[in-house]
């Protein structure tokens, strides 16, 4: 069956894991696989990382944690959003680790460990992101004292500006985490994300939580230090040889001259290819870069293949929208967004294949 595919190179994924691990001061890297492993497929991606020695995984929601547990029965799986009321039994049933973001979640965690006293505690401290996490006044609350002595505790925070190394926010957050750790003298700590691994080693602490760089998204400004992982391609549905001047697509926003050769490709905004790419992006067919013309519609786009030699196109030819030459970061810049959004928008109609 011909359909759009996201081809995931598991060898490149594994290489990126080891690049990040070797870069970390303690060679300790966890994988963030939330949002279906950033759109690449949580089960296959996570199992590939497990085979490479990754034992620690982070997801956003309880549902994601339950899904991942089915693939990795022995992994450490932590949930960023933490435990909500009435969810305690699910965490016990599936051996999941809630990240404790507020005092209410701390209290619920105590219920979880009533009959499971060895479950590690993961405490999130806000150091300036101003999203989830305990505030500085919360750190003196009596509940916190239980975790400093009775549990294997990991204290985490999250860098807001790690991809801009000279941003003054970075040392500010480092200092605030160091202050918070005084309340947990026996705890381990985690501050760095993918970009943070490329900051000086004082930011690294005990473990990094890496996401985007595993999947080929550039974690910092400048040359990408990691490998391309996922290629987005789609089949050619039809080739039109124009016998007159024509307009292309909805709104007739593009013109094509008589004699032009137009390929209709089976990928559209229903598959996550943003409509804002209309009339401005390109695709690759048989290593030839060709322009997208007209608007992106729900299920297809049109490209001008007039300059591709006829012998270079066959019934098996496909158009590549994201590849090693035109990366996910390149597409993101065209859309004035980031690679994370491009990958996580790729829809369920796009088949994930692994090699």
C-alpha atoms as a PDB file:
ATOM      1  CA  UNK A   1       0.000   0.000   0.000  1.00  0.00           C
ATOM      2  CA  UNK A   2       1.436   3.351  -1.053  1.00  0.00           C
ATOM      3  CA  UNK A   3       1.249   5.951   1.687  1.00  0.00           C
ATOM      4  CA  UNK A   4       3.256   8.658   3.355  1.00  0.00           C
ATOM      5  CA  UNK A   5       5.962   7.274   5.611  1.00  0.00           C
ATOM      6  CA  UNK A   6       8.259   8.489   8.348  1.00  0.00           C
ATOM      7  CA  UNK A   7      11.348   6.301   8.048  1.00  0.00           C
ATOM      8  CA  UNK A   8      13.237   6.144  11.345  1.00  0.00           C
ATOM      9  CA  UNK A   9      16.907   5.173  11.324  1.00  0.00           C
ATOM     10  CA  UNK A  10      17.348   3.305  14.602  1.00  0.00           C
ATOM     11  CA  UNK A  11      21.127   3.104  14.125  1.00  0.00           C
ATOM     12  CA  UNK A  12      21.292   6.917  13.949  1.00  0.00           C
ATOM     13  CA  UNK A  13      19.036   7.141  17.008  1.00  0.00           C
ATOM     14  CA  UNK A  14      21.408   4.839  18.885  1.00  0.00           C
ATOM     15  CA  UNK A  15      24.418   6.870  17.733  1.00  0.00           C
ATOM     16  CA  UNK A  16      22.831  10.076  19.007  1.00  0.00           C
ATOM     17  CA  UNK A  17      22.173   8.438  22.373  1.00  0.00           C
ATOM     18  CA  UNK A  18      25.846   7.539  22.689  1.00  0.00           C
ATOM     19  CA  UNK A  19      26.993  10.979  21.514  1.00  0.00           C
ATOM     20  CA  UNK A  20      24.932  12.561  24.279  1.00  0.00           C
ATOM     21  CA  UNK A  21      25.985   9.991  26.846  1.00  0.00           C
ATOM     22  CA  UNK A  22      29.673  10.451  26.060  1.00  0.00           C
ATOM     23  CA  UNK A  23      29.260  14.205  26.233  1.00  0.00           C
ATOM     24  CA  UNK A  24      27.684  14.089  29.707  1.00  0.00           C
ATOM     25  CA  UNK A  25      30.040  14.496  32.669  1.00  0.00           C
ATOM     26  CA  UNK A  26      28.834  11.258  34.277  1.00  0.00           C
ATOM     27  CA  UNK A  27      27.923   9.431  31.068  1.00  0.00           C
ATOM     28  CA  UNK A  28      24.364   9.297  32.340  1.00  0.00           C
ATOM     29  CA  UNK A  29      21.503  10.063  29.975  1.00  0.00           C
ATOM     30  CA  UNK A  30      17.770   9.382  30.200  1.00  0.00           C
ATOM     31  CA  UNK A  31      15.433   9.440  27.197  1.00  0.00           C
ATOM     32  CA  UNK A  32      12.436  11.747  27.005  1.00  0.00           C
ATOM     33  CA  UNK A  33       9.886   9.864  24.869  1.00  0.00           C
ATOM     34  CA  UNK A  34       6.744  11.917  25.488  1.00  0.00           C
ATOM     35  CA  UNK A  35       4.360  12.764  22.642  1.00  0.00           C
ATOM     36  CA  UNK A  36       4.938   9.376  20.989  1.00  0.00           C
ATOM     37  CA  UNK A  37       8.710   9.862  21.142  1.00  0.00           C
ATOM     38  CA  UNK A  38       8.342  13.293  19.533  1.00  0.00           C
ATOM     39  CA  UNK A  39       6.213  11.718  16.818  1.00  0.00           C
ATOM     40  CA  UNK A  40       8.650   8.958  15.855  1.00  0.00           C
ATOM     41  CA  UNK A  41       6.900   6.101  17.700  1.00  0.00           C
ATOM     42  CA  UNK A  42       7.282   5.474  21.407  1.00  0.00           C
ATOM     43  CA  UNK A  43       7.426   1.675  21.361  1.00  0.00           C
ATOM     44  CA  UNK A  44      10.073   1.089  18.695  1.00  0.00           C
ATOM     45  CA  UNK A  45      12.145   4.110  19.704  1.00  0.00           C
ATOM     46  CA  UNK A  46      12.158   3.183  23.381  1.00  0.00           C
ATOM     47  CA  UNK A  47      12.982  -0.458  22.756  1.00  0.00           C
ATOM     48  CA  UNK A  48      15.877   0.587  20.534  1.00  0.00           C
ATOM     49  CA  UNK A  49      17.230   2.882  23.257  1.00  0.00           C
ATOM     50  CA  UNK A  50      16.773   0.150  25.884  1.00  0.00           C
ATOM     51  CA  UNK A  51      18.909  -2.171  23.747  1.00  0.00           C
ATOM     52  CA  UNK A  52      21.626   0.498  23.824  1.00  0.00           C
ATOM     53  CA  UNK A  53      21.610   0.505  27.618  1.00  0.00           C
ATOM     54  CA  UNK A  54      19.157   3.320  28.387  1.00  0.00           C
ATOM     55  CA  UNK A  55      17.231   2.398  31.540  1.00  0.00           C
ATOM     56  CA  UNK A  56      15.525   5.694  32.438  1.00  0.00           C
ATOM     57  CA  UNK A  57      12.635   7.174  30.469  1.00  0.00           C
ATOM     58  CA  UNK A  58      10.461  10.245  30.915  1.00  0.00           C
ATOM     59  CA  UNK A  59       6.968  10.844  29.524  1.00  0.00           C
ATOM     60  CA  UNK A  60       4.426  13.608  30.074  1.00  0.00           C
ATOM     61  CA  UNK A  61       1.262  11.804  31.162  1.00  0.00           C
ATOM     62  CA  UNK A  62       0.106   8.752  33.065  1.00  0.00           C
ATOM     63  CA  UNK A  63      -1.448   7.333  29.873  1.00  0.00           C
ATOM     64  CA  UNK A  64       1.904   7.612  28.098  1.00  0.00           C
ATOM     65  CA  UNK A  65       3.583   5.858  31.008  1.00  0.00           C
ATOM     66  CA  UNK A  66       1.123   2.967  30.912  1.00  0.00           C
ATOM     67  CA  UNK A  67       1.642   2.636  27.158  1.00  0.00           C
ATOM     68  CA  UNK A  68       5.415   2.602  27.548  1.00  0.00           C
ATOM     69  CA  UNK A  69       5.309   0.067  30.364  1.00  0.00           C
ATOM     70  CA  UNK A  70       3.775  -2.455  27.957  1.00  0.00           C
ATOM     71  CA  UNK A  71       6.921  -2.187  25.808  1.00  0.00           C
ATOM     72  CA  UNK A  72       9.509  -1.886  28.578  1.00  0.00           C
ATOM     73  CA  UNK A  73       8.502  -3.979  31.607  1.00  0.00           C
ATOM     74  CA  UNK A  74      11.757  -3.328  33.482  1.00  0.00           C
ATOM     75  CA  UNK A  75      12.529   0.315  32.696  1.00  0.00           C
ATOM     76  CA  UNK A  76      12.361   3.247  35.097  1.00  0.00           C
ATOM     77  CA  UNK A  77       9.495   5.379  33.784  1.00  0.00           C
ATOM     78  CA  UNK A  78       8.810   8.822  35.255  1.00  0.00           C
ATOM     79  CA  UNK A  79       5.775  11.017  34.574  1.00  0.00           C
ATOM     80  CA  UNK A  80       6.405  14.758  34.240  1.00  0.00           C
ATOM     81  CA  UNK A  81       2.852  15.838  35.093  1.00  0.00           C
ATOM     82  CA  UNK A  82       2.884  13.957  38.387  1.00  0.00           C
ATOM     83  CA  UNK A  83       0.190  12.125  40.266  1.00  0.00           C
ATOM     84  CA  UNK A  84      -3.324  13.536  40.419  1.00  0.00           C
ATOM     85  CA  UNK A  85      -6.126  12.605  42.819  1.00  0.00           C
ATOM     86  CA  UNK A  86      -7.397   9.016  42.362  1.00  0.00           C
ATOM     87  CA  UNK A  87      -4.400   8.028  40.214  1.00  0.00           C
ATOM     88  CA  UNK A  88      -2.340   6.546  43.031  1.00  0.00           C
ATOM     89  CA  UNK A  89      -3.363   2.950  42.336  1.00  0.00           C
ATOM     90  CA  UNK A  90      -2.422   3.244  38.660  1.00  0.00           C
ATOM     91  CA  UNK A  91       1.102   4.297  39.561  1.00  0.00           C
ATOM     92  CA  UNK A  92       1.427   1.287  41.852  1.00  0.00           C
ATOM     93  CA  UNK A  93      -0.130  -1.124  39.349  1.00  0.00           C
ATOM     94  CA  UNK A  94       2.193  -0.113  36.528  1.00  0.00           C
ATOM     95  CA  UNK A  95       5.300   0.651  38.616  1.00  0.00           C
ATOM     96  CA  UNK A  96       5.504   4.257  37.432  1.00  0.00           C
ATOM     97  CA  UNK A  97       7.312   7.149  39.075  1.00  0.00           C
ATOM     98  CA  UNK A  98       5.408  10.410  39.497  1.00  0.00           C
ATOM     99  CA  UNK A  99       7.382  13.627  39.381  1.00  0.00           C
ATOM    100  CA  UNK A 100       6.193  15.696  42.336  1.00  0.00           C
ATOM    101  CA  UNK A 101       5.438  19.251  41.251  1.00  0.00           C
ATOM    102  CA  UNK A 102       3.512  20.693  44.198  1.00  0.00           C
ATOM    103  CA  UNK A 103       2.701  20.020  47.831  1.00  0.00           C
ATOM    104  CA  UNK A 104      -0.541  18.230  46.947  1.00  0.00           C
ATOM    105  CA  UNK A 105       1.375  15.770  44.818  1.00  0.00           C
ATOM    106  CA  UNK A 106       3.832  15.250  47.642  1.00  0.00           C
ATOM    107  CA  UNK A 107       0.952  14.203  49.875  1.00  0.00           C
ATOM    108  CA  UNK A 108      -0.423  11.830  47.254  1.00  0.00           C
ATOM    109  CA  UNK A 109       3.020  10.295  46.815  1.00  0.00           C
ATOM    110  CA  UNK A 110       3.037   9.441  50.520  1.00  0.00           C
ATOM    111  CA  UNK A 111      -0.093   7.366  49.884  1.00  0.00           C
ATOM    112  CA  UNK A 112       1.644   5.542  47.067  1.00  0.00           C
ATOM    113  CA  UNK A 113       4.615   4.571  49.221  1.00  0.00           C
ATOM    114  CA  UNK A 114       2.566   3.390  52.217  1.00  0.00           C
ATOM    115  CA  UNK A 115       3.022  -0.206  51.095  1.00  0.00           C
ATOM    116  CA  UNK A 116       5.889   0.498  48.706  1.00  0.00           C
ATOM    117  CA  UNK A 117       8.527   2.285  50.771  1.00  0.00           C
ATOM    118  CA  UNK A 118      11.360   1.731  48.276  1.00  0.00           C
ATOM    119  CA  UNK A 119       9.809   3.735  45.408  1.00  0.00           C
ATOM    120  CA  UNK A 120      12.188   6.582  44.556  1.00  0.00           C
ATOM    121  CA  UNK A 121      11.012  10.147  44.947  1.00  0.00           C
ATOM    122  CA  UNK A 122      11.430  12.577  42.070  1.00  0.00           C
ATOM    123  CA  UNK A 123      10.936  16.175  43.133  1.00  0.00           C
ATOM    124  CA  UNK A 124      10.629  18.998  40.629  1.00  0.00           C
ATOM    125  CA  UNK A 125      11.912  22.406  41.729  1.00  0.00           C
ATOM    126  CA  UNK A 126      11.169  25.469  39.629  1.00  0.00           C
ATOM    127  CA  UNK A 127      14.340  27.504  39.140  1.00  0.00           C
ATOM    128  CA  UNK A 128      13.008  30.054  36.688  1.00  0.00           C
ATOM    129  CA  UNK A 129      11.061  28.311  33.937  1.00  0.00           C
ATOM    130  CA  UNK A 130       7.837  29.168  35.818  1.00  0.00           C
ATOM    131  CA  UNK A 131       5.960  26.119  34.658  1.00  0.00           C
ATOM    132  CA  UNK A 132       5.600  23.106  36.930  1.00  0.00           C
ATOM    133  CA  UNK A 133       7.605  22.664  40.111  1.00  0.00           C
ATOM    134  CA  UNK A 134       7.921  23.591  43.745  1.00  0.00           C
ATOM    135  CA  UNK A 135       8.643  27.220  44.470  1.00  0.00           C
ATOM    136  CA  UNK A 136      11.440  28.275  46.786  1.00  0.00           C
ATOM    137  CA  UNK A 137       9.135  28.851  49.812  1.00  0.00           C
ATOM    138  CA  UNK A 138       7.782  25.285  49.384  1.00  0.00           C
ATOM    139  CA  UNK A 139      11.223  23.838  50.093  1.00  0.00           C
ATOM    140  CA  UNK A 140      10.951  24.554  53.817  1.00  0.00           C
ATOM    141  CA  UNK A 141       7.617  22.731  54.138  1.00  0.00           C
ATOM    142  CA  UNK A 142       7.687  19.836  56.669  1.00  0.00           C
ATOM    143  CA  UNK A 143       6.658  17.332  53.996  1.00  0.00           C
ATOM    144  CA  UNK A 144       9.985  17.808  52.241  1.00  0.00           C
ATOM    145  CA  UNK A 145      12.012  16.611  55.202  1.00  0.00           C
ATOM    146  CA  UNK A 146      10.681  13.077  54.716  1.00  0.00           C
ATOM    147  CA  UNK A 147      12.279  12.835  51.305  1.00  0.00           C
ATOM    148  CA  UNK A 148      15.722  14.019  52.287  1.00  0.00           C
ATOM    149  CA  UNK A 149      16.381  11.079  54.574  1.00  0.00           C
ATOM    150  CA  UNK A 150      13.908   8.265  53.860  1.00  0.00           C
ATOM    151  CA  UNK A 151      13.997   7.894  50.096  1.00  0.00           C
ATOM    152  CA  UNK A 152      16.262   7.612  47.106  1.00  0.00           C
ATOM    153  CA  UNK A 153      15.504  11.128  45.917  1.00  0.00           C
ATOM    154  CA  UNK A 154      16.145  12.784  42.569  1.00  0.00           C
ATOM    155  CA  UNK A 155      15.663  16.544  42.403  1.00  0.00           C
ATOM    156  CA  UNK A 156      15.064  17.882  38.908  1.00  0.00           C
ATOM    157  CA  UNK A 157      14.673  21.277  37.304  1.00  0.00           C
ATOM    158  CA  UNK A 158      14.529  22.468  33.710  1.00  0.00           C
ATOM    159  CA  UNK A 159      16.641  24.977  31.815  1.00  0.00           C
ATOM    160  CA  UNK A 160      14.763  27.672  29.928  1.00  0.00           C
ATOM    161  CA  UNK A 161      17.600  28.934  27.704  1.00  0.00           C
ATOM    162  CA  UNK A 162      20.083  26.086  27.336  1.00  0.00           C
ATOM    163  CA  UNK A 163      20.199  26.501  23.555  1.00  0.00           C
ATOM    164  CA  UNK A 164      21.747  29.965  24.024  1.00  0.00           C
ATOM    165  CA  UNK A 165      24.858  29.167  26.101  1.00  0.00           C
ATOM    166  CA  UNK A 166      25.672  32.762  27.057  1.00  0.00           C
ATOM    167  CA  UNK A 167      22.185  33.579  28.277  1.00  0.00           C
ATOM    168  CA  UNK A 168      22.378  34.874  31.887  1.00  0.00           C
ATOM    169  CA  UNK A 169      19.341  32.754  32.717  1.00  0.00           C
ATOM    170  CA  UNK A 170      21.509  29.630  32.646  1.00  0.00           C
ATOM    171  CA  UNK A 171      23.845  30.482  35.576  1.00  0.00           C
ATOM    172  CA  UNK A 172      20.856  31.936  37.443  1.00  0.00           C
ATOM    173  CA  UNK A 173      19.013  28.625  37.233  1.00  0.00           C
ATOM    174  CA  UNK A 174      22.158  26.694  38.127  1.00  0.00           C
ATOM    175  CA  UNK A 175      22.570  28.787  41.271  1.00  0.00           C
ATOM    176  CA  UNK A 176      18.939  28.374  42.246  1.00  0.00           C
ATOM    177  CA  UNK A 177      19.117  24.593  41.893  1.00  0.00           C
ATOM    178  CA  UNK A 178      22.290  24.470  43.967  1.00  0.00           C
ATOM    179  CA  UNK A 179      20.462  26.404  46.674  1.00  0.00           C
ATOM    180  CA  UNK A 180      17.490  24.029  46.512  1.00  0.00           C
ATOM    181  CA  UNK A 181      19.739  20.978  46.824  1.00  0.00           C
ATOM    182  CA  UNK A 182      20.827  22.158  50.275  1.00  0.00           C
ATOM    183  CA  UNK A 183      17.406  20.962  51.445  1.00  0.00           C
ATOM    184  CA  UNK A 184      18.195  17.479  50.050  1.00  0.00           C
ATOM    185  CA  UNK A 185      21.782  16.738  51.054  1.00  0.00           C
ATOM    186  CA  UNK A 186      21.621  13.080  49.958  1.00  0.00           C
ATOM    187  CA  UNK A 187      19.727  13.605  46.714  1.00  0.00           C
ATOM    188  CA  UNK A 188      20.893  13.257  43.150  1.00  0.00           C
ATOM    189  CA  UNK A 189      20.037  16.017  40.693  1.00  0.00           C
ATOM    190  CA  UNK A 190      19.102  16.571  37.066  1.00  0.00           C
ATOM    191  CA  UNK A 191      19.066  19.928  35.268  1.00  0.00           C
ATOM    192  CA  UNK A 192      20.165  19.415  31.688  1.00  0.00           C
ATOM    193  CA  UNK A 193      18.082  18.722  28.618  1.00  0.00           C
ATOM    194  CA  UNK A 194      19.548  17.991  25.170  1.00  0.00           C
ATOM    195  CA  UNK A 195      21.009  21.479  24.782  1.00  0.00           C
ATOM    196  CA  UNK A 196      22.188  21.458  28.379  1.00  0.00           C
ATOM    197  CA  UNK A 197      24.482  18.510  27.663  1.00  0.00           C
ATOM    198  CA  UNK A 198      26.541  20.928  25.560  1.00  0.00           C
ATOM    199  CA  UNK A 199      26.842  23.447  28.402  1.00  0.00           C
ATOM    200  CA  UNK A 200      29.796  23.334  30.836  1.00  0.00           C
ATOM    201  CA  UNK A 201      29.964  20.300  33.079  1.00  0.00           C
ATOM    202  CA  UNK A 202      28.806  22.119  36.211  1.00  0.00           C
ATOM    203  CA  UNK A 203      25.321  22.020  34.682  1.00  0.00           C
ATOM    204  CA  UNK A 204      25.334  18.248  34.216  1.00  0.00           C
ATOM    205  CA  UNK A 205      24.846  16.907  37.759  1.00  0.00           C
ATOM    206  CA  UNK A 206      23.920  13.190  37.915  1.00  0.00           C
ATOM    207  CA  UNK A 207      21.739  12.567  34.872  1.00  0.00           C
ATOM    208  CA  UNK A 208      20.549  14.422  31.771  1.00  0.00           C
ATOM    209  CA  UNK A 209      17.037  14.179  30.350  1.00  0.00           C
ATOM    210  CA  UNK A 210      17.491  14.254  26.586  1.00  0.00           C
ATOM    211  CA  UNK A 211      14.764  14.441  23.982  1.00  0.00           C
ATOM    212  CA  UNK A 212      15.116  16.454  20.781  1.00  0.00           C
ATOM    213  CA  UNK A 213      18.740  15.576  20.068  1.00  0.00           C
ATOM    214  CA  UNK A 214      17.984  11.863  20.132  1.00  0.00           C
ATOM    215  CA  UNK A 215      15.664  12.400  17.177  1.00  0.00           C
ATOM    216  CA  UNK A 216      17.981  14.512  15.039  1.00  0.00           C
ATOM    217  CA  UNK A 217      16.731  17.964  16.023  1.00  0.00           C
ATOM    218  CA  UNK A 218      19.625  20.372  16.490  1.00  0.00           C
ATOM    219  CA  UNK A 219      19.924  20.946  20.267  1.00  0.00           C
ATOM    220  CA  UNK A 220      21.861  24.197  19.942  1.00  0.00           C
ATOM    221  CA  UNK A 221      22.700  27.018  17.571  1.00  0.00           C
ATOM    222  CA  UNK A 222      25.265  26.380  14.856  1.00  0.00           C
ATOM    223  CA  UNK A 223      26.286  23.112  13.225  1.00  0.00           C
ATOM    224  CA  UNK A 224      24.219  20.144  14.323  1.00  0.00           C
ATOM    225  CA  UNK A 225      26.414  17.803  16.431  1.00  0.00           C
ATOM    226  CA  UNK A 226      24.103  14.817  16.073  1.00  0.00           C
ATOM    227  CA  UNK A 227      22.809  12.630  13.227  1.00  0.00           C
ATOM    228  CA  UNK A 228      19.730  12.839  11.041  1.00  0.00           C
ATOM    229  CA  UNK A 229      17.196  10.233  12.175  1.00  0.00           C
ATOM    230  CA  UNK A 230      13.810  10.510  10.455  1.00  0.00           C
ATOM    231  CA  UNK A 231      12.899  10.984   6.774  1.00  0.00           C
ATOM    232  CA  UNK A 232       9.378  12.021   5.782  1.00  0.00           C
ATOM    233  CA  UNK A 233       8.334  10.931   2.299  1.00  0.00           C
ATOM    234  CA  UNK A 234       5.173  10.384   0.272  1.00  0.00           C
ATOM    235  CA  UNK A 235       4.210   8.773  -3.046  1.00  0.00           C
ATOM    236  CA  UNK A 236       3.647  10.523  -6.354  1.00  0.00           C
ATOM    237  CA  UNK A 237      -0.062  10.118  -7.040  1.00  0.00           C
ATOM    238  CA  UNK A 238      -0.137  11.556 -10.540  1.00  0.00           C
ATOM    239  CA  UNK A 239       2.043  13.460 -13.009  1.00  0.00           C
ATOM    240  CA  UNK A 240       0.343  16.175 -15.049  1.00  0.00           C
ATOM    241  CA  UNK A 241       1.817  17.385 -18.357  1.00  0.00           C
ATOM    242  CA  UNK A 242       0.157  20.744 -18.916  1.00  0.00           C
ATOM    243  CA  UNK A 243      -1.142  21.442 -22.400  1.00  0.00           C
ATOM    244  CA  UNK A 244      -2.003  25.047 -21.525  1.00  0.00           C
ATOM    245  CA  UNK A 245      -1.192  27.678 -18.923  1.00  0.00           C
ATOM    246  CA  UNK A 246      -2.866  26.706 -15.647  1.00  0.00           C
ATOM    247  CA  UNK A 247      -3.274  27.757 -12.035  1.00  0.00           C
ATOM    248  CA  UNK A 248      -2.484  25.308  -9.254  1.00  0.00           C
ATOM    249  CA  UNK A 249      -4.589  24.381  -6.246  1.00  0.00           C
ATOM    250  CA  UNK A 250      -7.064  26.158  -4.007  1.00  0.00           C
ATOM    251  CA  UNK A 251      -7.260  29.887  -4.452  1.00  0.00           C
ATOM    252  CA  UNK A 252      -5.312  29.653  -7.722  1.00  0.00           C
ATOM    253  CA  UNK A 253      -2.299  31.081  -5.883  1.00  0.00           C
ATOM    254  CA  UNK A 254       0.311  29.658  -8.278  1.00  0.00           C
ATOM    255  CA  UNK A 255       0.699  29.692 -12.049  1.00  0.00           C
ATOM    256  CA  UNK A 256       2.252  27.048 -14.256  1.00  0.00           C
ATOM    257  CA  UNK A 257       3.090  27.510 -17.924  1.00  0.00           C
ATOM    258  CA  UNK A 258       2.100  25.294 -20.820  1.00  0.00           C
ATOM    259  CA  UNK A 259       4.568  22.425 -21.041  1.00  0.00           C
ATOM    260  CA  UNK A 260       5.193  22.291 -17.301  1.00  0.00           C
ATOM    261  CA  UNK A 261       5.268  18.915 -15.579  1.00  0.00           C
ATOM    262  CA  UNK A 262       3.453  18.865 -12.244  1.00  0.00           C
ATOM    263  CA  UNK A 263       3.612  15.997  -9.721  1.00  0.00           C
ATOM    264  CA  UNK A 264       0.807  15.558  -7.205  1.00  0.00           C
ATOM    265  CA  UNK A 265       2.157  14.146  -3.913  1.00  0.00           C
ATOM    266  CA  UNK A 266       0.132  12.300  -1.273  1.00  0.00           C
ATOM    267  CA  UNK A 267       0.852  14.391   1.816  1.00  0.00           C
ATOM    268  CA  UNK A 268      -1.088  17.331   3.245  1.00  0.00           C
ATOM    269  CA  UNK A 269      -1.940  19.252   6.356  1.00  0.00           C
ATOM    270  CA  UNK A 270      -4.006  16.330   7.677  1.00  0.00           C
ATOM    271  CA  UNK A 271      -0.674  14.506   7.886  1.00  0.00           C
ATOM    272  CA  UNK A 272       0.986  17.362   9.742  1.00  0.00           C
ATOM    273  CA  UNK A 273       2.591  19.153   6.794  1.00  0.00           C
ATOM    274  CA  UNK A 274       1.802  22.729   7.685  1.00  0.00           C
ATOM    275  CA  UNK A 275      -0.337  24.833   5.372  1.00  0.00           C
ATOM    276  CA  UNK A 276       2.012  27.754   5.985  1.00  0.00           C
ATOM    277  CA  UNK A 277       4.490  25.968   3.679  1.00  0.00           C
ATOM    278  CA  UNK A 278       2.253  26.736   0.698  1.00  0.00           C
ATOM    279  CA  UNK A 279       4.191  28.203  -2.240  1.00  0.00           C
ATOM    280  CA  UNK A 280       7.450  28.418  -0.303  1.00  0.00           C
ATOM    281  CA  UNK A 281       8.901  24.993   0.465  1.00  0.00           C
ATOM    282  CA  UNK A 282      10.631  22.328  -1.610  1.00  0.00           C
ATOM    283  CA  UNK A 283      10.795  18.560  -1.815  1.00  0.00           C
ATOM    284  CA  UNK A 284      13.410  16.127  -3.111  1.00  0.00           C
ATOM    285  CA  UNK A 285      12.630  13.620  -5.849  1.00  0.00           C
ATOM    286  CA  UNK A 286      15.470  11.408  -7.108  1.00  0.00           C
ATOM    287  CA  UNK A 287      17.907  13.795  -5.389  1.00  0.00           C
ATOM    288  CA  UNK A 288      16.510  16.774  -7.309  1.00  0.00           C
ATOM    289  CA  UNK A 289      15.205  19.708  -5.301  1.00  0.00           C
ATOM    290  CA  UNK A 290      11.882  20.903  -6.734  1.00  0.00           C
ATOM    291  CA  UNK A 291       9.542  23.685  -5.594  1.00  0.00           C
ATOM    292  CA  UNK A 292       6.165  23.209  -4.000  1.00  0.00           C
ATOM    293  CA  UNK A 293       3.610  25.241  -5.935  1.00  0.00           C
ATOM    294  CA  UNK A 294       0.151  26.204  -4.798  1.00  0.00           C
ATOM    295  CA  UNK A 295      -1.437  25.709  -1.429  1.00  0.00           C
ATOM    296  CA  UNK A 296      -0.942  22.712   0.786  1.00  0.00           C
ATOM    297  CA  UNK A 297      -4.305  20.956   0.885  1.00  0.00           C
ATOM    298  CA  UNK A 298      -5.599  18.362   3.325  1.00  0.00           C
ATOM    299  CA  UNK A 299      -4.259  15.300   1.527  1.00  0.00           C
ATOM    300  CA  UNK A 300      -1.821  16.442  -1.154  1.00  0.00           C
ATOM    301  CA  UNK A 301       0.541  19.033  -2.557  1.00  0.00           C
ATOM    302  CA  UNK A 302       1.756  19.878  -6.044  1.00  0.00           C
ATOM    303  CA  UNK A 303       5.397  20.268  -7.061  1.00  0.00           C
ATOM    304  CA  UNK A 304       6.966  21.371 -10.324  1.00  0.00           C
ATOM    305  CA  UNK A 305       9.166  18.576 -11.689  1.00  0.00           C
ATOM    306  CA  UNK A 306       9.749  20.139 -15.112  1.00  0.00           C
ATOM    307  CA  UNK A 307      13.523  20.177 -14.584  1.00  0.00           C
ATOM    308  CA  UNK A 308      13.863  16.523 -13.577  1.00  0.00           C
ATOM    309  CA  UNK A 309      14.943  14.286 -16.464  1.00  0.00           C
ATOM    310  CA  UNK A 310      12.151  11.881 -17.366  1.00  0.00           C
ATOM    311  CA  UNK A 311      14.339   8.831 -16.842  1.00  0.00           C
ATOM    312  CA  UNK A 312      14.932   9.897 -13.241  1.00  0.00           C
ATOM    313  CA  UNK A 313      11.287   9.363 -12.291  1.00  0.00           C
ATOM    314  CA  UNK A 314       9.697   5.931 -12.062  1.00  0.00           C
ATOM    315  CA  UNK A 315       6.544   4.462 -10.606  1.00  0.00           C
ATOM    316  CA  UNK A 316       8.441   3.886  -7.371  1.00  0.00           C
ATOM    317  CA  UNK A 317       9.724   7.447  -7.028  1.00  0.00           C
ATOM    318  CA  UNK A 318       8.799   9.247  -3.846  1.00  0.00           C
ATOM    319  CA  UNK A 319       9.009  12.826  -2.697  1.00  0.00           C
ATOM    320  CA  UNK A 320      11.058  13.485   0.423  1.00  0.00           C
ATOM    321  CA  UNK A 321       9.854  16.398   2.521  1.00  0.00           C
ATOM    322  CA  UNK A 322      12.349  15.903   5.364  1.00  0.00           C
ATOM    323  CA  UNK A 323      15.689  14.221   4.786  1.00  0.00           C
ATOM    324  CA  UNK A 324      19.357  14.626   5.610  1.00  0.00           C
ATOM    325  CA  UNK A 325      19.642  17.505   3.137  1.00  0.00           C
ATOM    326  CA  UNK A 326      16.447  19.348   4.065  1.00  0.00           C
ATOM    327  CA  UNK A 327      16.234  18.654   7.769  1.00  0.00           C
ATOM    328  CA  UNK A 328      13.372  19.002  10.184  1.00  0.00           C
ATOM    329  CA  UNK A 329      15.054  22.177  11.444  1.00  0.00           C
ATOM    330  CA  UNK A 330      15.092  23.597   7.907  1.00  0.00           C
ATOM    331  CA  UNK A 331      11.360  22.991   7.548  1.00  0.00           C
ATOM    332  CA  UNK A 332      10.769  24.472  10.979  1.00  0.00           C
ATOM    333  CA  UNK A 333      12.568  27.683  10.047  1.00  0.00           C
ATOM    334  CA  UNK A 334      10.361  28.030   6.978  1.00  0.00           C
ATOM    335  CA  UNK A 335       7.311  27.772   9.257  1.00  0.00           C
ATOM    336  CA  UNK A 336       8.810  30.083  11.898  1.00  0.00           C
ATOM    337  CA  UNK A 337       8.593  27.327  14.485  1.00  0.00           C
ATOM    338  CA  UNK A 338      10.832  24.574  15.891  1.00  0.00           C
ATOM    339  CA  UNK A 339      11.603  21.008  14.889  1.00  0.00           C
ATOM    340  CA  UNK A 340       9.692  19.670  17.885  1.00  0.00           C
ATOM    341  CA  UNK A 341       6.423  20.990  16.474  1.00  0.00           C
ATOM    342  CA  UNK A 342       7.110  19.643  12.987  1.00  0.00           C
ATOM    343  CA  UNK A 343       7.756  16.094  14.214  1.00  0.00           C
ATOM    344  CA  UNK A 344       4.960  15.976  16.788  1.00  0.00           C
ATOM    345  CA  UNK A 345       2.410  17.210  14.231  1.00  0.00           C
ATOM    346  CA  UNK A 346       3.045  14.286  11.873  1.00  0.00           C
ATOM    347  CA  UNK A 347      -0.283  12.476  11.837  1.00  0.00           C
ATOM    348  CA  UNK A 348      -1.401   8.902  12.296  1.00  0.00           C
ATOM    349  CA  UNK A 349      -1.954   8.378   8.555  1.00  0.00           C
ATOM    350  CA  UNK A 350       1.793   8.585   8.101  1.00  0.00           C
ATOM    351  CA  UNK A 351       3.202   5.087   8.533  1.00  0.00           C
ATOM    352  CA  UNK A 352       6.242   4.785  10.793  1.00  0.00           C
ATOM    353  CA  UNK A 353       8.833   2.379   9.439  1.00  0.00           C
ATOM    354  CA  UNK A 354      12.097   1.432  11.113  1.00  0.00           C
ATOM    355  CA  UNK A 355      15.437   0.300   9.799  1.00  0.00           C
END
